[in-house]
N, C-alpha and C. Protein backbone atom coordinates (compact mmCIF):
# COMPACT_ATOMS: atom_id res chain seq x y z
N MET A 1 -161.18 24.76 185.90
CA MET A 1 -160.10 25.13 186.99
C MET A 1 -160.79 26.52 187.52
N ILE A 2 -161.14 27.39 186.44
CA ILE A 2 -161.35 29.16 186.80
C ILE A 2 -162.97 28.92 187.85
N GLU A 3 -163.67 27.99 187.46
CA GLU A 3 -165.22 28.24 188.22
C GLU A 3 -164.61 27.41 189.49
N THR A 4 -163.75 26.64 189.88
CA THR A 4 -163.43 26.17 191.09
C THR A 4 -162.38 27.07 191.89
N GLY A 5 -162.10 28.04 191.10
CA GLY A 5 -160.59 28.62 191.86
C GLY A 5 -159.26 28.56 192.44
N GLN A 6 -159.46 26.99 191.10
CA GLN A 6 -157.65 26.80 190.83
C GLN A 6 -157.18 28.21 190.40
N LEU A 7 -158.01 28.57 189.31
CA LEU A 7 -157.22 29.59 188.49
C LEU A 7 -158.02 31.09 188.78
N VAL A 8 -156.93 32.07 189.17
CA VAL A 8 -157.60 32.88 189.76
C VAL A 8 -157.50 33.91 188.77
N ALA A 9 -158.13 35.49 189.26
CA ALA A 9 -158.36 36.62 188.52
C ALA A 9 -156.94 37.30 188.89
N GLY A 10 -156.64 37.53 186.98
CA GLY A 10 -155.27 37.86 186.74
C GLY A 10 -154.16 36.93 186.77
N GLN A 11 -154.56 35.90 186.86
CA GLN A 11 -153.27 34.73 186.98
C GLN A 11 -153.51 34.63 185.46
N ARG A 12 -151.65 34.60 184.84
CA ARG A 12 -151.57 34.52 183.54
C ARG A 12 -151.78 32.82 183.11
N LEU A 13 -152.22 32.67 181.54
CA LEU A 13 -152.74 31.75 180.86
C LEU A 13 -150.95 30.97 179.99
N PRO A 14 -150.77 29.82 179.94
CA PRO A 14 -149.69 29.66 178.69
C PRO A 14 -149.85 30.59 177.69
N PRO A 15 -148.94 30.40 176.90
CA PRO A 15 -149.21 30.78 175.14
C PRO A 15 -150.11 29.69 174.50
N VAL A 16 -150.54 30.23 173.62
CA VAL A 16 -151.26 29.01 172.87
C VAL A 16 -150.48 28.04 172.26
N ARG A 17 -149.27 28.30 171.61
CA ARG A 17 -148.19 27.27 171.36
C ARG A 17 -147.56 26.71 172.71
N GLN A 18 -147.60 26.99 173.34
CA GLN A 18 -146.86 26.47 175.02
C GLN A 18 -147.61 25.29 175.21
N LEU A 19 -148.95 26.20 175.61
CA LEU A 19 -150.03 24.69 175.92
C LEU A 19 -150.07 23.73 175.14
N ALA A 20 -150.45 23.85 173.69
CA ALA A 20 -150.41 23.11 172.58
C ALA A 20 -149.54 21.91 172.77
N LYS A 21 -148.30 22.24 172.83
CA LYS A 21 -146.95 21.55 172.80
C LYS A 21 -147.16 20.71 174.23
N ASP A 22 -147.19 21.09 175.38
CA ASP A 22 -147.79 20.39 176.79
C ASP A 22 -148.65 19.55 176.47
N LEU A 23 -149.65 19.90 176.04
CA LEU A 23 -151.15 18.68 175.61
C LEU A 23 -150.78 18.13 174.93
N GLY A 24 -149.70 18.06 174.05
CA GLY A 24 -150.05 17.38 172.66
C GLY A 24 -150.98 17.50 171.84
N LEU A 25 -151.81 18.69 171.55
CA LEU A 25 -152.55 19.25 170.68
C LEU A 25 -152.37 20.44 169.73
N ALA A 26 -153.40 20.35 168.86
CA ALA A 26 -152.83 21.45 167.61
C ALA A 26 -152.73 22.59 168.13
N ASN A 27 -152.17 23.89 167.90
CA ASN A 27 -152.24 25.05 167.95
C ASN A 27 -153.62 25.50 167.97
N GLY A 28 -154.32 25.10 166.54
CA GLY A 28 -155.87 25.79 166.50
C GLY A 28 -156.62 24.95 167.55
N THR A 29 -156.38 23.95 168.01
CA THR A 29 -157.32 23.36 169.03
C THR A 29 -157.33 24.67 170.45
N VAL A 30 -156.45 24.58 171.15
CA VAL A 30 -155.92 25.74 171.88
C VAL A 30 -156.47 26.86 171.88
N ALA A 31 -155.86 27.18 171.07
CA ALA A 31 -156.56 28.67 170.55
C ALA A 31 -158.16 28.97 170.09
N ARG A 32 -158.46 27.94 169.51
CA ARG A 32 -160.17 27.49 169.69
C ARG A 32 -160.47 27.68 170.91
N THR A 33 -159.97 26.80 171.84
CA THR A 33 -160.87 26.70 173.26
C THR A 33 -160.59 28.48 173.89
N TYR A 34 -159.12 29.14 173.94
CA TYR A 34 -158.60 30.11 174.43
C TYR A 34 -160.03 31.29 173.87
N GLN A 35 -160.48 31.27 172.64
CA GLN A 35 -161.42 32.33 172.29
C GLN A 35 -162.92 31.57 172.71
N GLU A 36 -163.48 30.41 173.19
CA GLU A 36 -164.34 29.73 173.87
C GLU A 36 -164.52 30.51 175.65
N LEU A 37 -163.55 30.55 175.91
CA LEU A 37 -163.06 30.61 177.28
C LEU A 37 -163.37 32.74 177.49
N GLU A 38 -162.69 33.16 176.22
CA GLU A 38 -162.68 34.65 176.13
C GLU A 38 -164.69 35.19 175.67
N ALA A 39 -165.23 34.40 174.96
CA ALA A 39 -166.69 34.84 174.77
C ALA A 39 -167.36 34.21 175.50
N ALA A 40 -167.05 33.44 176.89
CA ALA A 40 -167.83 33.06 178.13
C ALA A 40 -167.28 34.00 179.21
N LYS A 41 -166.73 35.18 179.02
CA LYS A 41 -165.69 36.30 179.93
C LYS A 41 -165.12 35.39 180.86
N LEU A 42 -164.58 34.56 180.46
CA LEU A 42 -163.71 33.92 181.77
C LEU A 42 -162.36 34.07 181.94
N VAL A 43 -162.04 34.43 180.52
CA VAL A 43 -160.23 34.69 180.18
C VAL A 43 -160.37 36.03 179.43
N GLU A 44 -159.41 37.32 179.34
CA GLU A 44 -159.14 38.08 178.86
C GLU A 44 -157.61 38.49 178.17
N THR A 45 -158.28 38.36 176.76
CA THR A 45 -156.69 38.53 175.74
C THR A 45 -156.35 39.95 175.49
N ARG A 46 -155.18 40.25 175.73
CA ARG A 46 -154.48 41.22 175.66
C ARG A 46 -153.40 41.36 174.03
N ARG A 47 -153.37 42.21 173.19
CA ARG A 47 -152.19 41.98 172.39
C ARG A 47 -150.87 42.41 172.87
N GLY A 48 -149.79 40.96 172.89
CA GLY A 48 -148.79 41.98 173.88
C GLY A 48 -148.45 41.49 175.04
N GLY A 49 -149.46 40.90 176.00
CA GLY A 49 -150.20 40.91 177.62
C GLY A 49 -150.48 39.65 177.59
N GLY A 50 -150.52 38.57 176.66
CA GLY A 50 -150.95 37.24 176.67
C GLY A 50 -152.76 37.04 177.31
N THR A 51 -152.79 36.04 177.40
CA THR A 51 -154.50 35.74 178.37
C THR A 51 -154.33 35.45 179.75
N THR A 52 -155.09 36.35 180.39
CA THR A 52 -155.77 36.07 181.72
C THR A 52 -156.55 35.65 182.34
N VAL A 53 -156.84 35.10 183.55
CA VAL A 53 -158.14 34.75 184.26
C VAL A 53 -158.89 35.80 184.67
N ALA A 54 -159.82 36.09 184.01
CA ALA A 54 -160.65 37.24 184.33
C ALA A 54 -161.85 37.31 185.99
N ALA A 55 -161.63 38.11 186.13
CA ALA A 55 -162.26 38.53 187.31
C ALA A 55 -163.94 37.61 187.21
N LEU A 56 -164.52 37.13 188.06
CA LEU A 56 -165.87 36.81 187.37
C LEU A 56 -166.80 37.44 187.80
N HIS A 57 -167.53 37.76 186.57
CA HIS A 57 -168.39 38.53 186.60
C HIS A 57 -169.99 38.17 186.49
N VAL A 58 -169.76 36.45 185.78
CA VAL A 58 -170.18 35.63 185.25
C VAL A 58 -171.69 35.15 186.12
N PRO A 59 -172.74 35.19 185.97
CA PRO A 59 -173.81 34.14 186.80
C PRO A 59 -173.55 32.83 186.96
N PRO A 60 -173.57 31.79 187.23
CA PRO A 60 -173.30 30.26 187.60
C PRO A 60 -174.27 29.97 186.59
N ALA A 61 -175.46 30.13 186.21
CA ALA A 61 -176.86 30.11 185.33
C ALA A 61 -175.78 30.43 183.82
N ARG A 62 -175.32 31.18 183.45
CA ARG A 62 -174.48 31.54 182.65
C ARG A 62 -173.36 31.03 182.01
N LEU A 63 -172.70 30.66 182.90
CA LEU A 63 -171.54 29.16 182.91
C LEU A 63 -171.90 28.52 182.94
N ALA A 64 -172.96 27.74 183.59
CA ALA A 64 -173.34 26.22 183.11
C ALA A 64 -174.07 26.00 181.52
N ARG A 65 -174.83 27.15 181.65
CA ARG A 65 -175.39 27.40 179.95
C ARG A 65 -174.02 27.06 178.69
N HIS A 66 -173.16 28.31 178.93
CA HIS A 66 -171.95 27.82 178.35
C HIS A 66 -171.64 26.69 178.35
N ARG A 67 -171.03 26.45 179.55
CA ARG A 67 -170.51 24.63 179.39
C ARG A 67 -171.39 23.46 178.58
N LEU A 68 -172.71 23.65 178.52
CA LEU A 68 -173.78 22.78 177.89
C LEU A 68 -173.47 23.22 176.73
N GLU A 69 -173.40 24.08 176.21
CA GLU A 69 -173.37 24.40 174.73
C GLU A 69 -172.24 24.68 173.92
N SER A 70 -170.95 24.25 174.97
CA SER A 70 -169.80 23.81 174.50
C SER A 70 -169.50 22.40 174.06
N ALA A 71 -170.20 21.82 175.01
CA ALA A 71 -170.77 19.93 175.06
C ALA A 71 -171.19 19.88 173.50
N ALA A 72 -172.33 20.67 173.77
CA ALA A 72 -173.27 20.50 172.41
C ALA A 72 -172.54 20.30 171.12
N ARG A 73 -171.65 21.78 171.35
CA ARG A 73 -170.74 21.82 170.23
C ARG A 73 -169.73 20.77 170.04
N ALA A 74 -169.23 20.10 170.71
CA ALA A 74 -168.24 18.91 170.59
C ALA A 74 -169.21 17.56 169.89
N TYR A 75 -170.01 17.44 170.41
CA TYR A 75 -171.04 16.08 169.97
C TYR A 75 -171.38 16.76 168.81
N ALA A 76 -171.50 18.16 168.02
CA ALA A 76 -172.05 17.97 166.79
C ALA A 76 -170.76 17.20 166.57
N ASP A 77 -169.63 18.26 166.75
CA ASP A 77 -168.58 17.85 165.85
C ASP A 77 -168.18 16.54 165.25
N THR A 78 -168.09 15.70 166.44
CA THR A 78 -167.88 13.89 166.49
C THR A 78 -169.30 13.79 165.99
N ALA A 79 -170.74 13.81 165.97
CA ALA A 79 -171.25 13.32 164.79
C ALA A 79 -171.22 13.88 163.43
N ARG A 80 -170.63 14.94 162.99
CA ARG A 80 -170.26 15.23 161.55
C ARG A 80 -168.93 14.43 161.16
N SER A 81 -168.04 13.95 162.25
CA SER A 81 -166.67 13.42 161.62
C SER A 81 -167.27 11.92 161.39
N LEU A 82 -168.54 11.62 162.34
CA LEU A 82 -168.49 10.42 161.56
C LEU A 82 -169.64 10.22 160.94
N GLY A 83 -169.56 11.20 160.29
CA GLY A 83 -170.62 11.34 158.66
C GLY A 83 -171.98 11.29 159.03
N PHE A 84 -172.56 11.66 160.54
CA PHE A 84 -173.82 11.85 160.52
C PHE A 84 -174.35 13.31 160.18
N GLY A 85 -175.82 13.02 159.87
CA GLY A 85 -176.14 14.95 159.98
C GLY A 85 -177.05 14.87 161.50
N ALA A 86 -177.60 16.03 161.46
CA ALA A 86 -178.09 16.78 162.56
C ALA A 86 -179.70 15.89 162.97
N GLU A 87 -180.24 15.34 161.60
CA GLU A 87 -181.57 14.45 162.42
C GLU A 87 -180.66 13.06 163.57
N GLU A 88 -180.11 12.03 162.73
CA GLU A 88 -179.09 11.30 163.22
C GLU A 88 -179.01 11.62 165.02
N ALA A 89 -177.97 12.50 164.90
CA ALA A 89 -177.46 12.84 166.40
C ALA A 89 -178.45 13.28 166.88
N HIS A 90 -179.48 13.95 166.41
CA HIS A 90 -180.75 14.24 167.46
C HIS A 90 -181.40 13.17 168.33
N GLU A 91 -181.31 11.52 167.12
CA GLU A 91 -182.04 10.98 167.62
C GLU A 91 -181.23 10.06 168.31
N ALA A 92 -180.12 9.98 168.44
CA ALA A 92 -179.24 9.53 169.37
C ALA A 92 -178.92 10.23 170.56
N LEU A 93 -179.23 11.42 170.72
CA LEU A 93 -179.03 12.43 171.84
C LEU A 93 -180.26 11.87 172.36
N ALA A 94 -181.55 12.53 171.85
CA ALA A 94 -183.12 11.73 172.56
C ALA A 94 -182.62 10.16 173.51
N LEU A 95 -181.96 9.51 172.32
CA LEU A 95 -182.04 8.05 173.40
C LEU A 95 -181.31 7.93 174.41
N VAL A 96 -180.11 8.63 174.65
CA VAL A 96 -179.79 8.88 176.06
C VAL A 96 -180.28 9.59 177.15
N ILE A 97 -180.63 10.81 176.42
CA ILE A 97 -180.85 11.87 177.59
C ILE A 97 -182.76 11.67 178.28
N ARG A 98 -182.93 10.33 177.70
CA ARG A 98 -184.15 9.90 178.36
C ARG A 98 -184.19 9.96 180.12
């Protein structure tokens, strides 16, 4: 939503606990997502000031790379939760990426 302009610079995001409740997610899941958005420089978090959308100074290629890494992280988490190791996860990915 940030990348498409649906959320604009300076717009405040809901507190972690509120968003987690609204979406039916664990607080930790939302907090981790906020941390990843902050690492990608898409949001800024200030103690006592909440989390707001950052002005985009990130090149599109970097945003795309971050999204790819986030998807890879989610894939790795899923593979681990299913009991597969790195080699099996790589093999499965190689089958579908061709």
